[in-house]
Amino acid sequence: MANRALAVLGRGILPVETPIARADDAGLTRGDGVFETIHVRYGKPWQLDEHLARMAGSGRILGIDLPPAAELAALVDEVLVDAAADEEVAVKIVCTRGPEGQDRPTVFATMFDVAPAQRQGRRDGIAVVSVTLGVPADVRSGAPWLLGGAKTLSYAVNMAALRYAATAGADDALLVSVEGTVLEAPTANVVWAADGALRTIPVDTGILAGTTVNYLLDRAGELGLRAERARISLDDLYAADEAWLCSSVRGAARITSLDGKPIGEKGLTEGVQRLLGFPV
């Protein structure tokens, strides 16, 4: 049975079809807002504090005054009130800038099932194609108006990249800079193993800091690997021992091929997934 629920800050649980935003809400008209998506296992949100801290950071970058973390945590509890403890679901918290001229954010949370494609990618791996982001790797760190490091509602480019990947027969896309530096996927971070280290892209490239990636790298020693943050080219990623796309809901999905070229498989994926504690 499909799991769906809606909770609005200050209004509580509502039918999922309830209209909750005005037509002039900046989140609808301009994508002006922030969000977080949280994996829920055994009825409990995973890394909730880390997600709320990142959301607060996104709000500061956009200049949106978010509710206190305690209120957002209570909203998550509300939307999960009827969630089955034995099912895998996710919660999305959204905070828009609100109606024009109101200085009153629209804040709500939705609960939904994890998509079958996410579970399949976690189990079987994914084929990925590279696409250009159209900017140098360092441009966002010196241009705060580009909102590097913020998880905003402006995901039209990200979704277009995923649609392009699908037309190319792939499961996901990998965004790269104009000079060929690997950045991130539209909805995930890149992690790879090479030379005895577990690595990911540094946030000075303007990518979104991953909560799942941070958790994984903090425990890399349990896999017998060092934890490092480094830039990487496509050619070097092709030669990695193993590579994954990691996100809160999908966990770690092994990249089986990149641009049609196979990526190595050194038997690390099972350990990575066990460390993250994700159901497969």
Protein backbone atom coordinates (compact mmCIF):
# COMPACT_ATOMS: atom_id res chain seq x y z
CA MET A 1 0.00 0.00 0.00
CA ALA A 2 1.30 3.46 -0.92
CA ASN A 3 2.45 5.59 1.96
CA ARG A 4 1.54 9.27 1.58
CA ALA A 5 1.03 11.98 4.17
CA LEU A 6 1.13 15.77 4.47
CA ALA A 7 1.75 17.97 7.50
CA VAL A 8 1.79 21.78 7.41
CA LEU A 9 3.49 23.82 10.11
CA GLY A 10 0.86 25.27 12.41
CA ARG A 11 -1.96 23.27 10.80
CA GLY A 12 -0.99 19.68 11.48
CA ILE A 13 -1.85 16.64 9.37
CA LEU A 14 -3.98 17.38 6.31
CA PRO A 15 -5.29 15.28 3.42
CA VAL A 16 -2.52 15.01 0.84
CA GLU A 17 -4.67 16.71 -1.81
CA THR A 18 -5.13 19.85 0.34
CA PRO A 19 -4.03 23.12 -1.37
CA ILE A 20 -1.41 24.63 0.92
CA ALA A 21 0.29 27.43 -1.07
CA ARG A 22 -0.95 30.66 -2.61
CA ALA A 23 -0.55 31.21 -6.33
CA ASP A 24 1.98 33.99 -5.64
CA ASP A 25 4.17 31.87 -3.35
CA ALA A 26 7.79 32.42 -4.38
CA GLY A 27 8.48 28.72 -4.04
CA LEU A 28 6.03 28.10 -6.90
CA THR A 29 6.75 31.12 -9.07
CA ARG A 30 10.55 31.28 -8.69
CA GLY A 31 11.74 28.09 -7.02
CA ASP A 32 12.74 30.35 -4.13
CA GLY A 33 13.02 28.08 -1.15
CA VAL A 34 14.94 25.22 0.45
CA PHE A 35 14.24 21.60 1.23
CA GLU A 36 15.65 18.42 2.73
CA THR A 37 14.79 14.79 2.03
CA ILE A 38 15.27 12.35 4.90
CA HIS A 39 15.40 8.58 4.80
CA VAL A 40 13.12 6.86 7.33
CA ARG A 41 13.86 3.36 8.51
CA TYR A 42 11.95 1.38 11.12
CA GLY A 43 9.74 4.41 11.65
CA LYS A 44 12.64 6.71 12.60
CA PRO A 45 14.17 9.54 10.49
CA TRP A 46 17.86 8.90 9.87
CA GLN A 47 20.33 11.76 10.49
CA LEU A 48 17.53 14.20 11.24
CA ASP A 49 19.76 16.64 13.15
CA GLU A 50 22.28 16.71 10.30
CA HIS A 51 19.56 17.40 7.74
CA LEU A 52 18.06 20.19 9.82
CA ALA A 53 21.49 21.76 10.29
CA ARG A 54 22.10 21.70 6.53
CA MET A 55 18.63 23.15 5.92
CA ALA A 56 19.41 26.00 8.32
CA GLY A 57 22.59 26.66 6.34
CA SER A 58 20.65 26.70 3.08
CA GLY A 59 18.20 29.15 4.63
CA ARG A 60 21.03 31.47 5.64
CA ILE A 61 22.47 31.39 2.11
CA LEU A 62 19.09 32.34 0.64
CA GLY A 63 18.22 34.78 3.41
CA ILE A 64 15.08 32.89 4.44
CA ASP A 65 14.20 32.89 8.12
CA LEU A 66 13.45 29.23 8.84
CA PRO A 67 11.49 28.05 11.88
CA PRO A 68 13.58 26.67 14.78
CA ALA A 69 14.95 23.16 14.29
CA ALA A 70 12.75 21.86 17.12
CA GLU A 71 9.62 22.95 15.25
CA LEU A 72 10.79 21.28 12.05
CA ALA A 73 11.64 18.08 13.95
CA ALA A 74 8.14 18.10 15.44
CA LEU A 75 6.71 18.54 11.93
CA VAL A 76 8.60 15.42 10.82
CA ASP A 77 7.17 13.49 13.75
CA GLU A 78 3.69 14.66 12.78
CA VAL A 79 3.92 13.51 9.19
CA LEU A 80 5.28 10.12 10.30
CA VAL A 81 2.57 9.46 12.86
CA ASP A 82 0.94 6.73 10.75
CA ALA A 83 4.09 5.41 9.06
CA ALA A 84 4.54 1.65 9.36
CA ALA A 85 7.68 0.75 11.29
CA ASP A 86 8.47 -2.13 8.92
CA GLU A 87 8.35 -0.08 5.70
CA GLU A 88 10.99 2.09 4.05
CA VAL A 89 9.77 5.64 3.41
CA ALA A 90 11.15 9.16 3.11
CA VAL A 91 10.17 12.62 4.34
CA LYS A 92 10.66 15.88 2.48
CA ILE A 93 10.65 19.15 4.43
CA VAL A 94 10.02 22.26 2.33
CA CYS A 95 10.34 25.92 3.30
CA THR A 96 9.56 28.53 0.64
CA ARG A 97 10.01 32.27 0.90
CA GLY A 98 6.23 32.47 0.98
CA PRO A 99 3.71 34.79 -0.69
CA GLU A 100 4.98 37.96 -2.34
CA GLY A 101 5.55 40.73 0.21
CA GLN A 102 4.40 38.66 3.18
CA ASP A 103 7.72 37.73 4.82
CA ARG A 104 5.93 34.56 5.93
CA PRO A 105 7.50 31.29 4.78
CA THR A 106 5.37 28.35 3.71
CA VAL A 107 6.55 25.28 5.61
CA PHE A 108 5.36 21.72 5.15
CA ALA A 109 6.49 18.10 5.14
CA THR A 110 5.44 15.16 3.01
CA MET A 111 5.95 11.45 3.59
CA PHE A 112 6.19 9.03 0.66
CA ASP A 113 7.49 5.62 -0.37
CA VAL A 114 11.06 5.19 -1.58
CA ALA A 115 10.90 4.76 -5.35
CA PRO A 116 11.54 1.26 -6.70
CA ALA A 117 14.30 2.66 -8.94
CA GLN A 118 16.18 3.89 -5.87
CA ARG A 119 16.02 0.45 -4.28
CA GLN A 120 17.02 -1.25 -7.52
CA GLY A 121 20.02 1.04 -7.95
CA ARG A 122 21.11 0.29 -4.41
CA ARG A 123 20.86 -3.43 -5.15
CA ASP A 124 22.04 -3.74 -8.77
CA GLY A 125 24.11 -0.61 -9.42
CA ILE A 126 23.57 2.15 -11.97
CA ALA A 127 24.82 3.28 -15.37
CA VAL A 128 25.79 6.96 -15.44
CA VAL A 129 26.57 9.51 -18.18
CA SER A 130 28.57 12.71 -17.71
CA VAL A 131 27.02 16.08 -18.60
CA THR A 132 28.54 19.53 -18.38
CA LEU A 133 27.30 22.03 -15.79
CA GLY A 134 28.68 24.76 -18.04
CA VAL A 135 30.78 26.55 -15.40
CA PRO A 136 34.36 26.23 -14.05
CA ALA A 137 34.77 24.20 -10.87
CA ASP A 138 35.78 27.26 -8.82
CA VAL A 139 33.18 29.77 -10.00
CA ARG A 140 30.53 29.12 -7.32
CA SER A 141 32.91 29.58 -4.39
CA GLY A 142 33.47 33.20 -5.46
CA ALA A 143 29.90 33.95 -6.58
CA PRO A 144 27.48 33.68 -3.64
CA TRP A 145 24.50 34.55 -5.85
CA LEU A 146 24.95 31.17 -7.55
CA LEU A 147 23.93 29.61 -4.21
CA GLY A 148 26.69 27.02 -4.08
CA GLY A 149 26.20 24.62 -1.19
CA ALA A 150 22.48 25.41 -0.77
CA LYS A 151 19.76 22.81 -1.29
CA THR A 152 17.20 24.96 -3.07
CA LEU A 153 13.90 24.28 -4.79
CA SER A 154 15.41 25.40 -8.12
CA TYR A 155 15.92 21.88 -9.48
CA ALA A 156 14.85 22.36 -13.10
CA VAL A 157 18.40 21.90 -14.42
CA ASN A 158 18.92 18.84 -12.21
CA MET A 159 15.74 17.21 -13.49
CA ALA A 160 16.63 18.06 -17.09
CA ALA A 161 19.99 16.33 -16.60
CA LEU A 162 18.21 13.21 -15.34
CA ARG A 163 15.84 13.24 -18.33
CA TYR A 164 18.82 13.57 -20.67
CA ALA A 165 20.48 10.60 -18.97
CA ALA A 166 17.34 8.53 -19.50
CA THR A 167 17.29 9.34 -23.22
CA ALA A 168 20.92 8.19 -23.36
CA GLY A 169 19.93 4.86 -21.82
CA ALA A 170 21.50 5.62 -18.43
CA ASP A 171 20.11 5.65 -14.90
CA ASP A 172 21.68 8.90 -13.71
CA ALA A 173 23.88 11.82 -14.70
CA LEU A 174 27.19 13.14 -13.41
CA LEU A 175 27.69 16.90 -13.57
CA VAL A 176 31.19 18.05 -14.56
CA SER A 177 32.77 21.48 -14.88
CA VAL A 178 33.81 22.98 -18.21
CA GLU A 179 37.40 21.86 -17.59
CA GLY A 180 36.28 18.29 -16.85
CA THR A 181 36.34 18.26 -13.05
CA VAL A 182 33.75 15.90 -11.56
CA LEU A 183 31.27 17.77 -9.34
CA GLU A 184 28.12 15.90 -8.26
CA ALA A 185 25.05 14.12 -9.56
CA PRO A 186 21.70 15.93 -9.86
CA THR A 187 20.47 14.40 -6.58
CA ALA A 188 23.55 12.70 -5.12
CA ASN A 189 27.22 13.02 -4.21
CA VAL A 190 30.07 11.09 -5.80
CA VAL A 191 32.23 8.75 -3.72
CA TRP A 192 35.03 6.55 -4.98
CA ALA A 193 37.74 4.24 -3.67
CA ALA A 194 41.31 4.43 -4.96
CA ASP A 195 44.82 3.98 -3.57
CA GLY A 196 43.59 2.82 -0.18
CA ALA A 197 41.32 5.84 0.34
CA LEU A 198 37.61 6.55 0.27
CA ARG A 199 37.18 9.92 -1.41
CA THR A 200 34.59 12.51 -2.29
CA ILE A 201 34.55 15.96 -3.90
CA PRO A 202 35.46 18.94 -1.66
CA VAL A 203 32.73 21.50 -1.00
CA ASP A 204 34.92 24.38 -2.23
CA THR A 205 33.66 23.44 -5.70
CA GLY A 206 30.21 24.68 -4.66
CA ILE A 207 28.64 21.23 -4.42
CA LEU A 208 26.09 20.37 -1.77
CA ALA A 209 27.67 18.82 1.31
CA GLY A 210 26.22 15.33 1.63
CA THR A 211 24.96 14.10 4.99
CA THR A 212 25.25 10.46 3.90
CA VAL A 213 28.73 11.04 2.46
CA ASN A 214 29.90 12.72 5.65
CA TYR A 215 28.61 9.77 7.69
CA LEU A 216 30.39 7.34 5.39
CA LEU A 217 33.74 9.13 5.33
CA ASP A 218 33.72 9.58 9.09
CA ARG A 219 33.68 5.76 9.31
CA ALA A 220 35.96 4.93 6.38
CA GLY A 221 38.42 3.32 8.78
CA GLU A 222 35.90 0.56 9.43
CA LEU A 223 36.33 -0.37 5.76
CA GLY A 224 40.12 -0.30 6.10
CA LEU A 225 40.34 2.92 4.07
CA ARG A 226 41.51 6.47 4.68
CA ALA A 227 39.02 9.30 4.26
CA GLU A 228 39.98 12.03 1.81
CA ARG A 229 38.39 14.88 -0.12
CA ALA A 230 39.91 15.52 -3.51
CA ARG A 231 39.09 16.75 -6.98
CA ILE A 232 39.00 14.17 -9.75
CA SER A 233 38.77 14.16 -13.52
CA LEU A 234 36.58 11.84 -15.53
CA ASP A 235 39.64 9.88 -16.68
CA ASP A 236 40.70 9.26 -13.08
CA LEU A 237 37.17 8.27 -12.06
CA TYR A 238 37.10 5.71 -14.88
CA ALA A 239 40.17 4.14 -13.25
CA ALA A 240 38.79 4.08 -9.67
CA ASP A 241 38.67 0.80 -7.76
CA GLU A 242 34.96 1.35 -7.21
CA ALA A 243 32.59 4.35 -7.25
CA TRP A 244 29.12 5.19 -5.96
CA LEU A 245 26.45 7.84 -6.04
CA CYS A 246 25.34 8.48 -2.47
CA SER A 247 22.28 10.27 -1.14
CA SER A 248 20.00 10.20 1.86
CA VAL A 249 17.30 8.06 0.27
CA ARG A 250 19.23 5.85 -2.14
CA GLY A 251 22.13 5.18 0.23
CA ALA A 252 25.03 4.02 -1.95
CA ALA A 253 24.41 2.92 -5.54
CA ARG A 254 27.48 1.49 -7.24
CA ILE A 255 28.36 3.08 -10.59
CA THR A 256 28.66 0.09 -12.92
CA SER A 257 29.52 2.19 -15.97
CA LEU A 258 30.31 5.82 -16.77
CA ASP A 259 29.80 7.02 -20.34
CA GLY A 260 29.62 3.38 -21.39
CA LYS A 261 32.95 2.50 -19.77
CA PRO A 262 32.88 -0.06 -16.94
CA ILE A 263 33.93 1.09 -13.46
CA GLY A 264 35.87 -1.32 -11.29
CA GLU A 265 34.26 -3.63 -8.76
CA LYS A 266 36.53 -4.60 -5.87
CA GLY A 267 33.92 -6.00 -3.52
CA LEU A 268 33.52 -2.88 -1.39
CA THR A 269 29.84 -2.17 -1.98
CA GLU A 270 28.50 -4.68 0.54
CA GLY A 271 30.69 -3.16 3.27
CA VAL A 272 29.64 0.37 2.32
CA GLN A 273 25.96 -0.52 2.46
CA ARG A 274 26.36 -2.39 5.72
CA LEU A 275 28.16 0.61 7.21
CA LEU A 276 25.33 2.92 6.15
CA GLY A 277 22.74 0.47 7.45
CA PHE A 278 20.45 0.78 4.43
CA PRO A 279 17.98 -1.96 3.54
CA VAL A 280 18.84 -3.47 0.15
